[in-house]
Amino acid sequence: MRRLISKQLRLPITRRSFTVTSAHRGIRQIPDSDIVNFPGAVRSRFTTELNFHRPQDDPAMPTYRYINSEGVIVDTSRELDIDEAKARKMYKDMVTTSVMDMIMYESQRQGRISFYMVSAGEEGIAVGSAAALDKDDVIYSQYREQGTLMYRGYTLDEFMSQLFANKNDYGKGRNMPVHYMSERLRLYPISSTLATQIPHAVGAAYALKMESSPNIVVCYFGEGAASEGDFHAALNIAATRDCPVVFICRNNGYAISTPTLEQYKGDGIASRGIGYGIETIRVDGNDIMAVYAVTQAAREIALKQQKPVLIEAMSYRVSHHSTSDDSFAYRAKVDVEEWKRRDNPITRFRKWLETKEWWSSDEELSFRTQVRKDILKAFSKAEREKKPPVGDIFSDVFKEPTPELREQSEQLKEILRKYPEEYELGEYDKSL
């Protein structure tokens, strides 16, 4: 406790926009002033017009774009620091994510894994944002950030070990597929429970602030998660405590089967950031370069000004929500196919690369062939690995096993000894 207090005392008070004294003076009402100085509405002018503010009277927040659907730069006012090597890596990671998604989706349909969620149509958001981050920035993600992990160095073997829940899975087989984690890459475990990562990310960002860290926290979620109470609590805390966190909302049009028009009436998720006093931007999520640019700028604000930023990345979920979903039950297949044809983030970026002569059709065919082989090799290897030890179900609950856990472990041993023909233990790494 003494150490924690000493760290708190070292926080520079200049990071706050007011002191206790100035805040106290700020709530005083000057006689005959035409500005309201109530604590809850500072600098609001008095008026004699009884008018309600109608949301439809305000224009929708614009969506930033750097290249159009033909791969042509439309923002000529800036030049991004993306050289050939970086651009090729970004493209390859998008393609690898896409190919892996297709293979794993089909493997679930074959019964070889239990569950999967693809990120088709949203690869540009994941890879573009990851490319703009520092390698030591902390990540709290949801379940369509395969591209983010891939860009940071999560290997195909690591992906497959988690998906097959084998003995090399960092989560020891305790979680569903696509719930990745990596201490090495500063990725916190993904949770099935919607939006729980958002307040956790804010807490982590506040911890980095207390430590005067040179890094920030990045938190990914979908627009459906923004309907949860955790979202609102997290944004309010982040704003009032000036936490260095960048929120990245993937607005792909659907919260499972619920379209956005049935989720909210306001101007998307971006308008909520403004309501909480957070600097906010909306970006074309199918434009990987725009995503890169806004994430880079947002990170600069979060780090240098020590405050939160909200990015709403607009996209379209061309895939089913998961392998448990049939999206054609609630939307027309022709609409999905139209989106695939009209505005694919991979195709758009490839067009730009080809105009720079940084990619070619021959390379495309060669790379896709090779990456498919690499994924299938990792797939086959992970599928053959043994499952984590049965005894792992008792570990990591407490630092040292409690008497109750030891008793339960002995009971399980007795059951396995008494009924060996009922349990196939050969697929597990070790005995209990």
Protein backbone atom coordinates (compact mmCIF):
# COMPACT_ATOMS: atom_id res chain seq x y z
CA MET A 1 0.00 0.00 0.00
CA ARG A 2 2.84 2.41 0.85
CA ARG A 3 4.42 1.78 -2.54
CA LEU A 4 1.10 2.40 -4.31
CA ILE A 5 0.54 5.67 -2.48
CA SER A 6 4.04 6.88 -3.30
CA LYS A 7 3.40 6.24 -6.99
CA GLN A 8 0.15 8.16 -6.83
CA LEU A 9 1.86 11.13 -5.21
CA ARG A 10 4.36 11.30 -8.03
CA LEU A 11 1.62 11.86 -10.63
CA PRO A 12 2.10 15.29 -12.21
CA ILE A 13 -0.98 17.35 -11.39
CA THR A 14 -0.53 19.28 -14.64
CA ARG A 15 -2.14 16.36 -16.45
CA ARG A 16 -5.48 17.45 -15.05
CA SER A 17 -7.12 20.47 -16.63
CA PHE A 18 -7.99 22.02 -13.26
CA THR A 19 -6.94 22.02 -9.64
CA VAL A 20 -9.21 21.72 -6.64
CA THR A 21 -9.00 25.48 -6.08
CA SER A 22 -9.80 26.42 -9.67
CA ALA A 23 -12.61 23.89 -9.81
CA HIS A 24 -14.15 25.40 -6.68
CA ARG A 25 -13.96 28.91 -8.14
CA GLY A 26 -15.35 27.68 -11.47
CA ILE A 27 -18.77 26.76 -10.08
CA ARG A 28 -19.51 30.27 -8.77
CA GLN A 29 -22.16 32.19 -10.68
CA ILE A 30 -21.11 35.74 -11.56
CA PRO A 31 -23.99 38.23 -11.05
CA ASP A 32 -25.82 39.16 -14.30
CA SER A 33 -23.69 36.73 -16.33
CA ASP A 34 -25.20 35.28 -19.51
CA ILE A 35 -23.30 32.02 -19.01
CA VAL A 36 -24.37 29.17 -16.77
CA ASN A 37 -21.69 28.15 -14.31
CA PHE A 38 -23.55 25.33 -12.61
CA PRO A 39 -21.24 22.39 -11.83
CA GLY A 40 -23.04 20.15 -14.32
CA ALA A 41 -23.20 22.62 -17.23
CA VAL A 42 -20.21 24.91 -17.34
CA ARG A 43 -20.19 27.79 -19.88
CA SER A 44 -23.68 27.11 -21.22
CA ARG A 45 -25.30 30.38 -22.29
CA PHE A 46 -28.71 31.45 -21.11
CA THR A 47 -31.38 31.77 -23.78
CA THR A 48 -34.99 32.95 -24.06
CA GLU A 49 -35.73 30.49 -26.87
CA LEU A 50 -37.53 27.34 -25.76
CA ASN A 51 -36.08 24.95 -28.33
CA PHE A 52 -35.29 21.28 -28.02
CA HIS A 53 -32.14 20.07 -29.73
CA ARG A 54 -33.12 17.47 -32.27
CA PRO A 55 -30.47 14.95 -33.35
CA GLN A 56 -31.77 14.97 -36.93
CA ASP A 57 -30.89 18.66 -37.21
CA ASP A 58 -27.18 17.95 -36.80
CA PRO A 59 -25.19 16.48 -39.70
CA ALA A 60 -23.77 12.98 -39.31
CA MET A 61 -20.12 12.78 -38.31
CA PRO A 62 -17.98 12.44 -41.47
CA THR A 63 -16.01 9.29 -42.24
CA TYR A 64 -12.29 9.75 -42.91
CA ARG A 65 -10.88 8.06 -46.00
CA TYR A 66 -7.34 7.99 -47.40
CA ILE A 67 -7.74 5.84 -50.53
CA ASN A 68 -10.97 5.18 -52.40
CA SER A 69 -12.34 1.81 -53.49
CA GLU A 70 -10.09 1.91 -56.58
CA GLY A 71 -6.94 2.32 -54.51
CA VAL A 72 -6.47 5.97 -55.45
CA ILE A 73 -5.25 8.39 -52.78
CA VAL A 74 -7.96 10.97 -52.06
CA ASP A 75 -6.30 12.70 -49.09
CA THR A 76 -3.40 14.41 -50.82
CA SER A 77 -2.74 16.66 -47.82
CA ARG A 78 -0.64 14.04 -46.02
CA GLU A 79 1.82 11.29 -46.81
CA LEU A 80 1.84 8.24 -44.57
CA ASP A 81 5.05 6.68 -43.31
CA ILE A 82 4.33 3.33 -44.98
CA ASP A 83 7.28 2.08 -46.97
CA GLU A 84 7.33 -0.95 -49.26
CA ALA A 85 8.35 -3.43 -46.57
CA LYS A 86 5.64 -2.30 -44.18
CA ALA A 87 2.99 -2.17 -46.89
CA ARG A 88 3.80 -5.70 -48.04
CA LYS A 89 3.64 -7.02 -44.48
CA MET A 90 0.27 -5.35 -43.93
CA TYR A 91 -1.09 -6.88 -47.12
CA LYS A 92 0.33 -10.34 -46.43
CA ASP A 93 -1.14 -10.38 -42.94
CA MET A 94 -4.57 -9.45 -44.29
CA VAL A 95 -4.40 -12.22 -46.87
CA THR A 96 -3.10 -14.74 -44.32
CA THR A 97 -5.94 -13.86 -41.97
CA SER A 98 -8.46 -14.31 -44.76
CA VAL A 99 -7.08 -17.68 -45.87
CA MET A 100 -6.84 -18.94 -42.28
CA ASP A 101 -10.44 -17.88 -41.65
CA MET A 102 -11.69 -19.89 -44.62
CA ILE A 103 -9.76 -23.00 -43.61
CA MET A 104 -10.83 -22.87 -39.97
CA TYR A 105 -14.45 -22.17 -40.84
CA GLU A 106 -14.53 -25.27 -43.02
CA SER A 107 -12.72 -27.32 -40.38
CA GLN A 108 -15.49 -26.52 -37.90
CA ARG A 109 -18.07 -27.65 -40.43
CA GLN A 110 -16.11 -30.94 -40.63
CA GLY A 111 -16.24 -31.29 -36.84
CA ARG A 112 -12.49 -30.91 -36.34
CA ILE A 113 -12.80 -27.86 -34.09
CA SER A 114 -15.83 -26.86 -32.04
CA PHE A 115 -16.29 -23.20 -32.95
CA TYR A 116 -14.87 -20.36 -35.02
CA MET A 117 -15.44 -16.71 -35.86
CA VAL A 118 -14.11 -15.19 -39.08
CA SER A 119 -13.18 -11.55 -39.68
CA ALA A 120 -14.07 -11.37 -43.39
CA GLY A 121 -14.51 -7.76 -44.48
CA GLU A 122 -12.83 -6.42 -41.33
CA GLU A 123 -9.21 -7.42 -41.94
CA GLY A 124 -8.22 -3.82 -42.69
CA ILE A 125 -9.35 -2.60 -39.26
CA ALA A 126 -7.32 -5.19 -37.38
CA VAL A 127 -4.10 -5.01 -39.42
CA GLY A 128 -4.21 -1.27 -40.10
CA SER A 129 -4.57 -0.39 -36.42
CA ALA A 130 -1.93 -2.89 -35.30
CA ALA A 131 0.59 -1.42 -37.75
CA ALA A 132 0.24 1.98 -36.06
CA LEU A 133 0.93 0.76 -32.52
CA ASP A 134 4.09 0.33 -30.50
CA LYS A 135 5.06 -3.27 -29.87
CA ASP A 136 4.68 -2.74 -26.11
CA ASP A 137 1.23 -1.17 -26.22
CA VAL A 138 -1.28 -3.29 -24.30
CA ILE A 139 -4.18 -4.89 -26.19
CA TYR A 140 -7.63 -5.89 -25.03
CA SER A 141 -9.50 -7.39 -27.95
CA GLN A 142 -12.78 -9.05 -28.74
CA TYR A 143 -12.89 -11.90 -31.26
CA ARG A 144 -12.28 -10.55 -34.75
CA GLU A 145 -8.73 -9.29 -34.20
CA GLN A 146 -6.83 -12.19 -35.77
CA GLY A 147 -5.11 -9.68 -38.04
CA THR A 148 -3.96 -7.61 -35.06
CA LEU A 149 -2.34 -10.62 -33.47
CA MET A 150 -0.80 -11.74 -36.74
CA TYR A 151 0.80 -8.35 -37.34
CA ARG A 152 2.30 -8.35 -33.83
CA GLY A 153 3.86 -11.78 -34.33
CA TYR A 154 1.33 -14.36 -33.17
CA THR A 155 2.40 -17.45 -35.10
CA LEU A 156 0.29 -19.95 -37.01
CA ASP A 157 1.33 -22.59 -34.47
CA GLU A 158 0.03 -20.38 -31.66
CA PHE A 159 -3.27 -19.83 -33.46
CA MET A 160 -3.75 -23.54 -34.06
CA SER A 161 -2.77 -24.58 -30.55
CA GLN A 162 -5.48 -22.34 -29.13
CA LEU A 163 -8.10 -23.41 -31.67
CA PHE A 164 -7.47 -27.10 -30.98
CA ALA A 165 -7.03 -26.50 -27.21
CA ASN A 166 -3.95 -28.71 -27.14
CA LYS A 167 -1.16 -28.86 -24.56
CA ASN A 168 0.57 -25.84 -26.13
CA ASP A 169 -2.48 -23.60 -25.71
CA TYR A 170 -1.59 -20.74 -23.34
CA GLY A 171 -5.09 -21.02 -21.86
CA LYS A 172 -4.58 -24.74 -21.14
CA GLY A 173 -7.67 -25.70 -23.10
CA ARG A 174 -10.04 -23.96 -20.71
CA ASN A 175 -11.53 -21.50 -23.15
CA MET A 176 -13.46 -21.58 -26.41
CA PRO A 177 -11.67 -21.33 -29.75
CA VAL A 178 -10.68 -17.80 -30.92
CA HIS A 179 -10.14 -16.71 -27.28
CA TYR A 180 -6.46 -15.95 -27.77
CA MET A 181 -3.94 -14.60 -25.28
CA SER A 182 -0.24 -13.82 -25.29
CA GLU A 183 1.88 -12.46 -22.46
CA ARG A 184 4.73 -12.05 -24.95
CA LEU A 185 2.63 -9.78 -27.19
CA ARG A 186 0.89 -8.01 -24.28
CA LEU A 187 -2.49 -9.37 -25.34
CA TYR A 188 -4.87 -10.01 -22.48
CA PRO A 189 -7.11 -13.11 -22.70
CA ILE A 190 -10.25 -12.68 -24.77
CA SER A 191 -13.51 -13.14 -22.89
CA SER A 192 -16.76 -14.54 -24.26
CA THR A 193 -18.78 -12.21 -22.05
CA LEU A 194 -19.55 -9.18 -24.17
CA ALA A 195 -17.83 -5.84 -23.36
CA THR A 196 -16.07 -6.93 -20.17
CA GLN A 197 -12.71 -6.07 -21.74
CA ILE A 198 -13.65 -2.38 -22.04
CA PRO A 199 -13.56 -1.41 -18.33
CA HIS A 200 -10.58 -3.73 -17.87
CA ALA A 201 -8.73 -1.80 -20.57
CA VAL A 202 -9.49 1.48 -18.84
CA GLY A 203 -8.14 0.14 -15.57
CA ALA A 204 -4.97 -1.00 -17.30
CA ALA A 205 -4.61 2.41 -18.96
CA TYR A 206 -4.93 4.13 -15.59
CA ALA A 207 -2.22 1.84 -14.23
CA LEU A 208 0.09 2.83 -17.12
CA LYS A 209 -0.67 6.47 -16.34
CA MET A 210 0.31 5.99 -12.70
CA GLU A 211 3.58 4.42 -13.82
CA SER A 212 4.29 7.21 -16.34
CA SER A 213 4.58 4.50 -18.98
CA PRO A 214 5.55 5.36 -22.56
CA ASN A 215 2.79 3.06 -23.78
CA ILE A 216 -0.99 3.07 -24.07
CA VAL A 217 -3.84 0.57 -24.04
CA VAL A 218 -5.88 -0.27 -27.14
CA CYS A 219 -9.33 -1.79 -26.73
CA TYR A 220 -11.28 -3.43 -29.58
CA PHE A 221 -15.01 -4.17 -29.58
CA GLY A 222 -17.98 -4.28 -31.91
CA GLU A 223 -20.91 -1.87 -32.06
CA GLY A 224 -23.09 -4.51 -30.41
CA ALA A 225 -20.85 -4.42 -27.34
CA ALA A 226 -21.44 -0.67 -27.18
CA SER A 227 -25.00 -1.46 -26.10
CA GLU A 228 -23.69 -2.99 -22.89
CA GLY A 229 -23.47 -1.03 -19.66
CA ASP A 230 -19.76 -1.81 -19.39
CA PHE A 231 -19.15 0.33 -22.47
CA HIS A 232 -20.75 3.42 -20.96
CA ALA A 233 -19.14 2.99 -17.55
CA ALA A 234 -15.73 2.48 -19.14
CA LEU A 235 -15.90 5.55 -21.40
CA ASN A 236 -17.05 7.75 -18.53
CA ILE A 237 -14.25 6.57 -16.25
CA ALA A 238 -11.68 6.91 -19.03
CA ALA A 239 -12.80 10.49 -19.68
CA THR A 240 -13.01 11.64 -16.07
CA ARG A 241 -9.70 10.02 -15.08
CA ASP A 242 -7.85 10.97 -18.28
CA CYS A 243 -6.78 7.43 -19.14
CA PRO A 244 -4.42 6.86 -22.11
CA VAL A 245 -6.60 4.37 -23.96
CA VAL A 246 -7.68 4.18 -27.60
CA PHE A 247 -11.08 2.58 -28.10
CA ILE A 248 -11.54 0.99 -31.53
CA CYS A 249 -15.13 0.12 -32.33
CA ARG A 250 -15.73 -2.11 -35.35
CA ASN A 251 -19.16 -1.08 -36.60
CA ASN A 252 -19.90 -3.89 -39.04
CA GLY A 253 -23.66 -3.38 -39.20
CA TYR A 254 -24.83 -6.33 -37.14
CA ALA A 255 -24.82 -7.45 -33.51
CA ILE A 256 -25.24 -11.14 -34.39
CA SER A 257 -28.68 -10.92 -36.07
CA THR A 258 -29.64 -7.43 -34.90
CA PRO A 259 -28.96 -4.72 -37.51
CA THR A 260 -27.68 -1.35 -36.35
CA LEU A 261 -30.99 0.35 -37.17
CA GLU A 262 -32.54 -1.73 -34.40
CA GLN A 263 -29.64 -1.20 -31.99
CA TYR A 264 -29.64 2.58 -31.75
CA LYS A 265 -31.20 5.76 -33.15
CA GLY A 266 -28.24 8.12 -32.75
CA ASP A 267 -25.33 8.82 -35.07
CA GLY A 268 -23.53 5.53 -34.66
CA ILE A 269 -21.12 4.92 -31.81
CA ALA A 270 -18.98 7.99 -32.52
CA SER A 271 -21.63 10.34 -31.16
CA ARG A 272 -21.38 8.61 -27.80
CA GLY A 273 -17.71 9.47 -27.53
CA ILE A 274 -18.54 13.15 -27.94
CA GLY A 275 -21.22 12.79 -25.27
CA TYR A 276 -18.64 11.53 -22.82
CA GLY A 277 -16.21 14.31 -23.67
CA ILE A 278 -13.82 12.08 -25.60
CA GLU A 279 -12.01 13.07 -28.80
CA THR A 280 -13.60 10.96 -31.51
CA ILE A 281 -13.14 10.15 -35.18
CA ARG A 282 -15.02 7.97 -37.66
CA VAL A 283 -13.00 6.13 -40.29
CA ASP A 284 -13.61 3.98 -43.35
CA GLY A 285 -12.76 0.54 -41.96
CA ASN A 286 -12.34 -0.89 -45.45
CA ASP A 287 -9.47 1.54 -46.02
CA ILE A 288 -6.48 0.06 -44.21
CA MET A 289 -4.41 3.19 -44.79
CA ALA A 290 -7.08 5.43 -43.26
CA VAL A 291 -7.29 3.11 -40.27
CA TYR A 292 -3.51 3.27 -39.94
CA ALA A 293 -3.52 7.08 -40.10
CA VAL A 294 -6.25 7.63 -37.52
CA THR A 295 -4.85 5.02 -35.13
CA GLN A 296 -1.42 6.61 -35.33
CA ALA A 297 -2.91 10.05 -34.61
CA ALA A 298 -5.12 8.66 -31.82
CA ARG A 299 -2.16 6.98 -30.17
CA GLU A 300 -0.26 10.28 -30.23
CA ILE A 301 -3.15 12.05 -28.49
CA ALA A 302 -3.60 9.31 -25.89
CA LEU A 303 0.11 9.21 -25.06
CA LYS A 304 1.10 12.86 -25.23
CA GLN A 305 -2.09 14.32 -23.78
CA GLN A 306 -2.85 11.38 -21.48
CA LYS A 307 -6.51 11.05 -22.38
CA PRO A 308 -8.83 8.62 -24.19
CA VAL A 309 -9.73 8.60 -27.88
CA LEU A 310 -12.58 6.78 -29.63
CA ILE A 311 -12.30 5.46 -33.20
CA GLU A 312 -15.41 4.16 -34.94
CA ALA A 313 -14.33 2.05 -37.91
CA MET A 314 -17.16 1.55 -40.40
CA SER A 315 -17.28 -1.78 -42.20
CA TYR A 316 -19.61 -4.58 -43.21
CA ARG A 317 -19.62 -8.09 -41.79
CA VAL A 318 -19.67 -10.18 -44.94
CA SER A 319 -19.38 -13.40 -42.94
CA HIS A 320 -21.85 -15.09 -40.64
CA HIS A 321 -21.50 -13.94 -37.03
CA SER A 322 -19.91 -17.27 -36.15
CA THR A 323 -20.12 -20.94 -37.06
CA SER A 324 -23.25 -21.04 -34.88
CA ASP A 325 -25.02 -18.48 -37.08
CA ASP A 326 -26.74 -18.47 -40.46
CA SER A 327 -26.91 -14.81 -41.41
CA PHE A 328 -29.00 -15.50 -44.53
CA ALA A 329 -31.92 -16.09 -42.19
CA TYR A 330 -32.03 -12.35 -41.48
CA ARG A 331 -30.35 -10.69 -44.48
CA ALA A 332 -30.32 -11.23 -48.22
CA LYS A 333 -27.42 -13.20 -49.69
CA VAL A 334 -27.37 -10.85 -52.68
CA ASP A 335 -26.56 -7.92 -50.35
CA VAL A 336 -23.59 -9.76 -48.91
CA GLU A 337 -22.27 -10.70 -52.33
CA GLU A 338 -22.64 -7.09 -53.45
CA TRP A 339 -20.50 -5.90 -50.54
CA LYS A 340 -17.86 -8.51 -51.32
CA ARG A 341 -17.70 -7.36 -54.91
CA ARG A 342 -17.97 -3.63 -54.36
CA ASP A 343 -15.65 -2.86 -51.47
CA ASN A 344 -13.27 -5.48 -50.13
CA PRO A 345 -10.45 -4.07 -47.92
CA ILE A 346 -7.92 -6.58 -49.27
CA THR A 347 -8.75 -5.83 -52.89
CA ARG A 348 -8.66 -2.08 -52.30
CA PHE A 349 -5.21 -2.15 -50.70
CA ARG A 350 -3.90 -4.49 -53.39
CA LYS A 351 -4.90 -1.98 -56.07
CA TRP A 352 -2.86 0.70 -54.32
CA LEU A 353 0.12 -1.66 -53.97
CA GLU A 354 0.01 -2.50 -57.66
CA THR A 355 0.02 1.16 -58.66
CA LYS A 356 3.22 1.47 -56.61
CA GLU A 357 4.56 -1.70 -58.28
CA TRP A 358 4.97 -3.25 -54.83
CA TRP A 359 2.81 -6.29 -55.66
CA SER A 360 1.89 -8.32 -58.73
CA SER A 361 -0.53 -11.02 -59.90
CA ASP A 362 2.25 -13.59 -59.95
CA GLU A 363 3.14 -12.81 -56.34
CA GLU A 364 -0.53 -13.02 -55.39
CA LEU A 365 -0.90 -16.56 -56.69
CA SER A 366 2.43 -17.69 -55.26
CA PHE A 367 1.79 -16.20 -51.83
CA ARG A 368 -1.75 -17.54 -51.45
CA THR A 369 -0.56 -21.02 -52.45
CA GLN A 370 2.30 -20.95 -49.95
CA VAL A 371 0.35 -19.47 -47.08
CA ARG A 372 -2.34 -22.10 -47.47
CA LYS A 373 0.34 -24.81 -47.22
CA ASP A 374 1.80 -23.14 -44.11
CA ILE A 375 -1.60 -22.94 -42.42
CA LEU A 376 -2.46 -26.56 -43.20
CA LYS A 377 0.93 -27.67 -41.88
CA ALA A 378 0.34 -25.85 -38.56
CA PHE A 379 -3.23 -27.19 -38.56
CA SER A 380 -2.10 -30.78 -38.94
CA LYS A 381 0.61 -30.41 -36.30
CA ALA A 382 -1.75 -28.90 -33.72
CA GLU A 383 -4.49 -31.44 -34.39
CA ARG A 384 -2.08 -34.30 -33.56
CA GLU A 385 -0.85 -32.78 -30.30
CA LYS A 386 -2.15 -34.13 -27.01
CA LYS A 387 -4.63 -32.25 -24.86
CA PRO A 388 -3.46 -30.46 -21.67
CA PRO A 389 -3.02 -32.68 -18.57
CA VAL A 390 -6.26 -33.62 -16.83
CA GLY A 391 -4.79 -32.30 -13.58
CA ASP A 392 -4.74 -28.78 -15.01
CA ILE A 393 -8.42 -28.42 -14.15
CA PHE A 394 -7.32 -27.99 -10.52
CA SER A 395 -4.42 -25.60 -11.12
CA ASP A 396 -4.38 -21.80 -11.32
CA VAL A 397 -7.47 -21.41 -9.13
CA PHE A 398 -5.40 -20.53 -6.08
CA LYS A 399 -1.66 -20.02 -5.71
CA GLU A 400 -1.54 -23.21 -3.64
CA PRO A 401 -4.24 -25.90 -3.88
CA THR A 402 -6.75 -25.72 -1.04
CA PRO A 403 -7.75 -28.78 0.98
CA GLU A 404 -11.02 -28.85 -0.97
CA LEU A 405 -9.21 -28.91 -4.31
CA ARG A 406 -6.86 -31.65 -3.14
CA GLU A 407 -9.84 -33.68 -1.99
CA GLN A 408 -11.57 -33.23 -5.35
CA SER A 409 -8.38 -34.24 -7.15
CA GLU A 410 -8.18 -37.46 -5.12
CA GLN A 411 -11.85 -38.18 -5.83
CA LEU A 412 -11.24 -37.81 -9.57
CA LYS A 413 -8.22 -40.12 -9.39
CA GLU A 414 -10.36 -42.72 -7.67
CA ILE A 415 -13.08 -42.46 -10.31
CA LEU A 416 -10.56 -42.81 -13.14
CA ARG A 417 -8.97 -45.80 -11.41
CA LYS A 418 -12.32 -47.47 -10.79
CA TYR A 419 -13.77 -46.91 -14.27
CA PRO A 420 -10.82 -46.82 -16.69
CA GLU A 421 -12.89 -48.10 -19.61
CA GLU A 422 -15.19 -45.08 -19.39
CA TYR A 423 -12.52 -42.43 -19.96
CA GLU A 424 -10.18 -42.01 -22.94
CA LEU A 425 -7.10 -40.58 -21.24
CA GLY A 426 -4.67 -41.40 -24.03
CA GLU A 427 -5.31 -38.08 -25.77
CA TYR A 428 -4.18 -36.11 -22.69
CA ASP A 429 -0.57 -35.09 -22.13
CA LYS A 430 -0.04 -36.51 -18.66
CA SER A 431 -1.85 -38.50 -16.04
CA LEU A 432 -3.64 -36.79 -13.18
